[in-house]
Protein backbone atom coordinates (compact mmCIF):
# COMPACT_ATOMS: atom_id res chain seq x y z
CA UNK A 1 86.90 -12.01 -70.04
CA UNK A 2 85.77 -11.99 -66.41
CA UNK A 3 84.04 -15.06 -65.01
CA UNK A 4 80.32 -14.93 -65.71
CA UNK A 5 77.94 -13.61 -63.07
CA UNK A 6 75.39 -15.93 -61.43
CA UNK A 7 72.76 -14.47 -63.76
CA UNK A 8 74.76 -15.47 -66.85
CA UNK A 9 75.71 -18.82 -65.35
CA UNK A 10 72.02 -19.48 -64.87
CA UNK A 11 71.47 -19.05 -68.59
CA UNK A 12 74.13 -21.60 -69.45
CA UNK A 13 73.42 -25.23 -68.76
CA UNK A 14 70.09 -25.59 -67.01
CA UNK A 15 68.42 -22.69 -68.80
CA UNK A 16 69.01 -24.18 -72.23
CA UNK A 17 66.55 -26.95 -71.34
CA UNK A 18 64.29 -24.56 -69.43
CA UNK A 19 64.02 -22.27 -72.45
CA UNK A 20 62.79 -25.15 -74.58
CA UNK A 21 60.25 -26.40 -72.06
CA UNK A 22 58.93 -22.95 -71.19
CA UNK A 23 58.63 -21.99 -74.84
CA UNK A 24 56.17 -24.82 -75.37
CA UNK A 25 53.93 -23.24 -72.75
CA UNK A 26 53.14 -20.30 -75.00
CA UNK A 27 50.49 -20.41 -77.70
CA UNK A 28 52.34 -21.74 -80.72
CA UNK A 29 49.40 -22.90 -82.84
CA UNK A 30 50.11 -22.52 -86.56
CA UNK A 31 48.84 -19.30 -88.12
CA UNK A 32 47.37 -21.25 -91.03
CA UNK A 33 46.05 -24.80 -90.98
CA UNK A 34 48.34 -27.17 -92.85
CA UNK A 35 45.35 -28.48 -94.79
CA UNK A 36 44.57 -25.07 -96.26
CA UNK A 37 44.75 -24.99 -100.07
CA UNK A 38 47.93 -23.38 -101.31
CA UNK A 39 46.36 -20.58 -103.37
CA UNK A 40 46.96 -16.84 -103.78
CA UNK A 41 50.72 -16.94 -103.28
CA UNK A 42 50.83 -19.93 -100.96
CA UNK A 43 51.05 -20.40 -97.22
CA UNK A 44 54.44 -18.70 -96.95
CA UNK A 45 53.10 -15.58 -98.62
CA UNK A 46 50.11 -15.40 -96.27
CA UNK A 47 52.29 -15.88 -93.19
CA UNK A 48 54.56 -13.07 -94.37
CA UNK A 49 51.51 -10.87 -94.88
CA UNK A 50 50.29 -11.69 -91.36
CA UNK A 51 53.68 -10.80 -89.88
CA UNK A 52 53.66 -7.53 -91.84
CA UNK A 53 50.25 -6.65 -90.39
CA UNK A 54 51.56 -7.36 -86.88
CA UNK A 55 54.53 -5.07 -87.47
CA UNK A 56 52.31 -2.28 -88.76
CA UNK A 57 50.02 -2.65 -85.72
CA UNK A 58 52.95 -2.44 -83.32
CA UNK A 59 54.43 0.58 -85.08
CA UNK A 60 51.10 2.41 -84.92
CA UNK A 61 50.46 1.50 -81.27
CA UNK A 62 54.00 2.16 -80.11
CA UNK A 63 55.77 4.80 -82.23
CA UNK A 64 59.56 4.60 -82.23
CA UNK A 65 62.53 6.61 -83.42
CA UNK A 66 64.33 5.87 -86.68
CA UNK A 67 67.82 4.49 -86.18
CA UNK A 68 71.05 3.56 -87.95
CA UNK A 69 73.13 0.45 -87.39
CA UNK A 70 76.54 -1.01 -88.11
CA UNK A 71 76.91 -3.65 -90.81
CA UNK A 72 77.00 -6.49 -88.28
CA UNK A 73 73.81 -5.15 -86.59
CA UNK A 74 75.35 -5.12 -83.11
CA UNK A 75 75.45 -1.32 -82.66
CA UNK A 76 72.45 0.96 -83.21
CA UNK A 77 72.16 4.73 -82.94
CA UNK A 78 69.19 7.12 -82.69
CA UNK A 79 68.28 10.56 -81.34
CA UNK A 80 66.13 11.15 -78.27
CA UNK A 81 63.91 14.21 -78.72
CA UNK A 82 62.47 16.04 -75.72
CA UNK A 83 62.63 19.06 -73.41
CA UNK A 84 66.41 18.71 -73.12
CA UNK A 85 66.84 18.80 -76.88
CA UNK A 86 68.47 16.11 -79.01
CA UNK A 87 70.40 13.43 -77.16
CA UNK A 88 72.38 10.84 -79.09
CA UNK A 89 71.55 7.32 -77.91
CA UNK A 90 73.18 3.97 -78.60
CA UNK A 91 72.06 0.38 -78.16
CA UNK A 92 74.98 -2.06 -78.09
CA UNK A 93 74.79 -5.87 -78.21
CA UNK A 94 77.91 -7.48 -76.70
CA UNK A 95 78.65 -11.20 -76.66
CA UNK A 96 79.05 -12.19 -72.99
CA UNK A 97 78.84 -15.96 -73.07
CA UNK A 98 78.71 -18.83 -75.52
CA UNK A 99 76.70 -19.97 -77.26
CA UNK A 100 75.33 -16.67 -78.58
CA UNK A 101 74.28 -14.89 -75.39
CA UNK A 102 74.40 -11.12 -75.83
CA UNK A 103 74.05 -8.29 -73.35
CA UNK A 104 71.95 -5.30 -74.44
CA UNK A 105 73.22 -1.93 -73.21
CA UNK A 106 71.46 1.40 -73.70
CA UNK A 107 73.48 4.57 -73.22
CA UNK A 108 74.13 8.15 -74.21
CA UNK A 109 76.82 8.95 -76.76
CA UNK A 110 79.21 11.53 -75.30
CA UNK A 111 79.60 14.27 -77.94
CA UNK A 112 83.27 15.01 -77.18
CA UNK A 113 84.58 11.45 -77.16
CA UNK A 114 81.81 9.37 -78.84
CA UNK A 115 82.07 7.00 -75.85
CA UNK A 116 78.90 5.27 -74.65
CA UNK A 117 77.75 6.08 -71.11
CA UNK A 118 75.34 3.33 -70.04
CA UNK A 119 74.95 4.79 -66.54
CA UNK A 120 73.50 8.10 -67.67
CA UNK A 121 69.92 9.14 -66.94
CA UNK A 122 68.98 11.69 -69.59
CA UNK A 123 65.35 12.11 -68.43
CA UNK A 124 64.27 13.64 -71.74
CA UNK A 125 60.56 12.88 -71.31
CA UNK A 126 60.38 10.30 -74.10
CA UNK A 127 60.93 6.97 -72.34
CA UNK A 128 57.92 5.22 -73.99
CA UNK A 129 59.32 6.06 -77.43
CA UNK A 130 62.82 4.94 -76.40
CA UNK A 131 61.49 1.61 -75.12
CA UNK A 132 59.54 1.09 -78.36
CA UNK A 133 62.74 1.84 -80.28
CA UNK A 134 64.64 -0.73 -78.22
CA UNK A 135 61.94 -3.28 -79.10
CA UNK A 136 62.30 -2.55 -82.82
CA UNK A 137 66.10 -2.76 -82.55
CA UNK A 138 65.96 -6.04 -80.63
CA UNK A 139 63.57 -7.46 -83.20
CA UNK A 140 66.00 -6.55 -86.00
CA UNK A 141 69.01 -7.91 -84.08
CA UNK A 142 67.32 -11.26 -83.39
CA UNK A 143 66.10 -11.46 -86.98
CA UNK A 144 69.73 -11.18 -88.11
CA UNK A 145 70.98 -13.41 -85.26
CA UNK A 146 68.12 -15.91 -84.83
CA UNK A 147 70.10 -18.34 -82.65
CA UNK A 148 71.00 -15.62 -80.13
CA UNK A 149 69.57 -14.85 -76.69
CA UNK A 150 69.54 -11.27 -75.38
CA UNK A 151 70.04 -10.37 -71.72
CA UNK A 152 69.10 -6.90 -70.50
CA UNK A 153 68.64 -5.18 -67.16
CA UNK A 154 68.30 -1.68 -65.82
CA UNK A 155 70.96 0.13 -63.82
CA UNK A 156 68.56 0.39 -60.86
CA UNK A 157 65.48 -1.39 -59.43
CA UNK A 158 63.31 1.50 -60.64
CA UNK A 159 64.61 1.09 -64.20
CA UNK A 160 63.91 -2.66 -64.07
CA UNK A 161 60.39 -1.84 -62.89
CA UNK A 162 60.02 0.47 -65.87
CA UNK A 163 61.14 -2.32 -68.22
CA UNK A 164 58.64 -4.70 -66.63
CA UNK A 165 55.82 -2.17 -67.05
CA UNK A 166 56.77 -1.64 -70.70
CA UNK A 167 56.78 -5.39 -71.34
CA UNK A 168 53.37 -5.70 -69.66
CA UNK A 169 51.96 -2.95 -71.82
CA UNK A 170 52.95 -4.68 -75.07
CA UNK A 171 52.94 -8.26 -73.79
CA UNK A 172 50.60 -9.75 -76.38
CA UNK A 173 52.44 -8.13 -79.26
CA UNK A 174 55.85 -9.12 -77.87
CA UNK A 175 54.77 -12.75 -77.53
CA UNK A 176 54.06 -12.74 -81.25
CA UNK A 177 57.81 -12.65 -81.83
CA UNK A 178 59.61 -13.50 -78.61
CA UNK A 179 59.89 -15.90 -75.68
CA UNK A 180 60.61 -13.86 -72.52
CA UNK A 181 62.01 -14.68 -69.08
CA UNK A 182 62.80 -12.89 -65.83
CA UNK A 183 65.51 -13.53 -63.24
CA UNK A 184 63.90 -13.88 -59.80
CA UNK A 185 65.21 -15.45 -56.59
CA UNK A 186 68.38 -16.72 -58.29
CA UNK A 187 66.63 -18.53 -61.14
CA UNK A 188 65.05 -17.87 -64.51
CA UNK A 189 61.31 -18.26 -65.08
CA UNK A 190 58.78 -17.44 -67.76
CA UNK A 191 57.96 -13.73 -67.57
CA UNK A 192 55.21 -12.85 -65.06
CA UNK A 193 53.67 -9.42 -64.67
CA UNK A 194 54.20 -8.68 -60.97
CA UNK A 195 57.70 -9.99 -60.28
CA UNK A 196 60.49 -7.57 -59.23
CA UNK A 197 62.96 -9.07 -61.70
CA UNK A 198 66.69 -8.36 -61.56
CA UNK A 199 67.17 -9.03 -65.27
CA UNK A 200 65.29 -10.03 -68.39
CA UNK A 201 65.95 -12.51 -71.15
CA UNK A 202 64.49 -12.53 -74.62
CA UNK A 203 64.86 -14.77 -77.65
CA UNK A 204 63.15 -15.19 -80.97
CA UNK A 205 60.38 -17.80 -81.26
């Protein structure tokens, strides 16, 4: 494995403490007061119901494509539908550093070889749906790998800007599930709306 880039090195070491301290800056008040009577299925049941409502709200607000995944939930596949027809897409989570730091790569599946091209720009007119699908996939991946942290970045400044705009659009919903960071001026910080980030980091609350 090649030596880690400065971005990945920044995650290791200092960021482990920074993640903890920044996470406490988000609203983490309990959904249900601990003194509430444990009736009608109990507190756990009501929390699960609340989470279900959040998921339904997000799915309605941000429709996504259905997808398939491998048994270890590190590779996901779906079809992009648009003016250029059906384009096979893949989202791959690759372990890049310990402990449990994964890179997220989005690419097109080449029909002839089934290889993944993560530099392709398909421009099929459905980017909002693709981004919503990536959110659903990341949510599933982190649910199955709760101790993991996911790093993702676009293959150009314009793609990173698109990611930042998508995060802004669904920021409140995303913060229900995730703690998010951006890489700016050689360091990680809690996600802010108007920063031209080079990369993004996401982990489950």
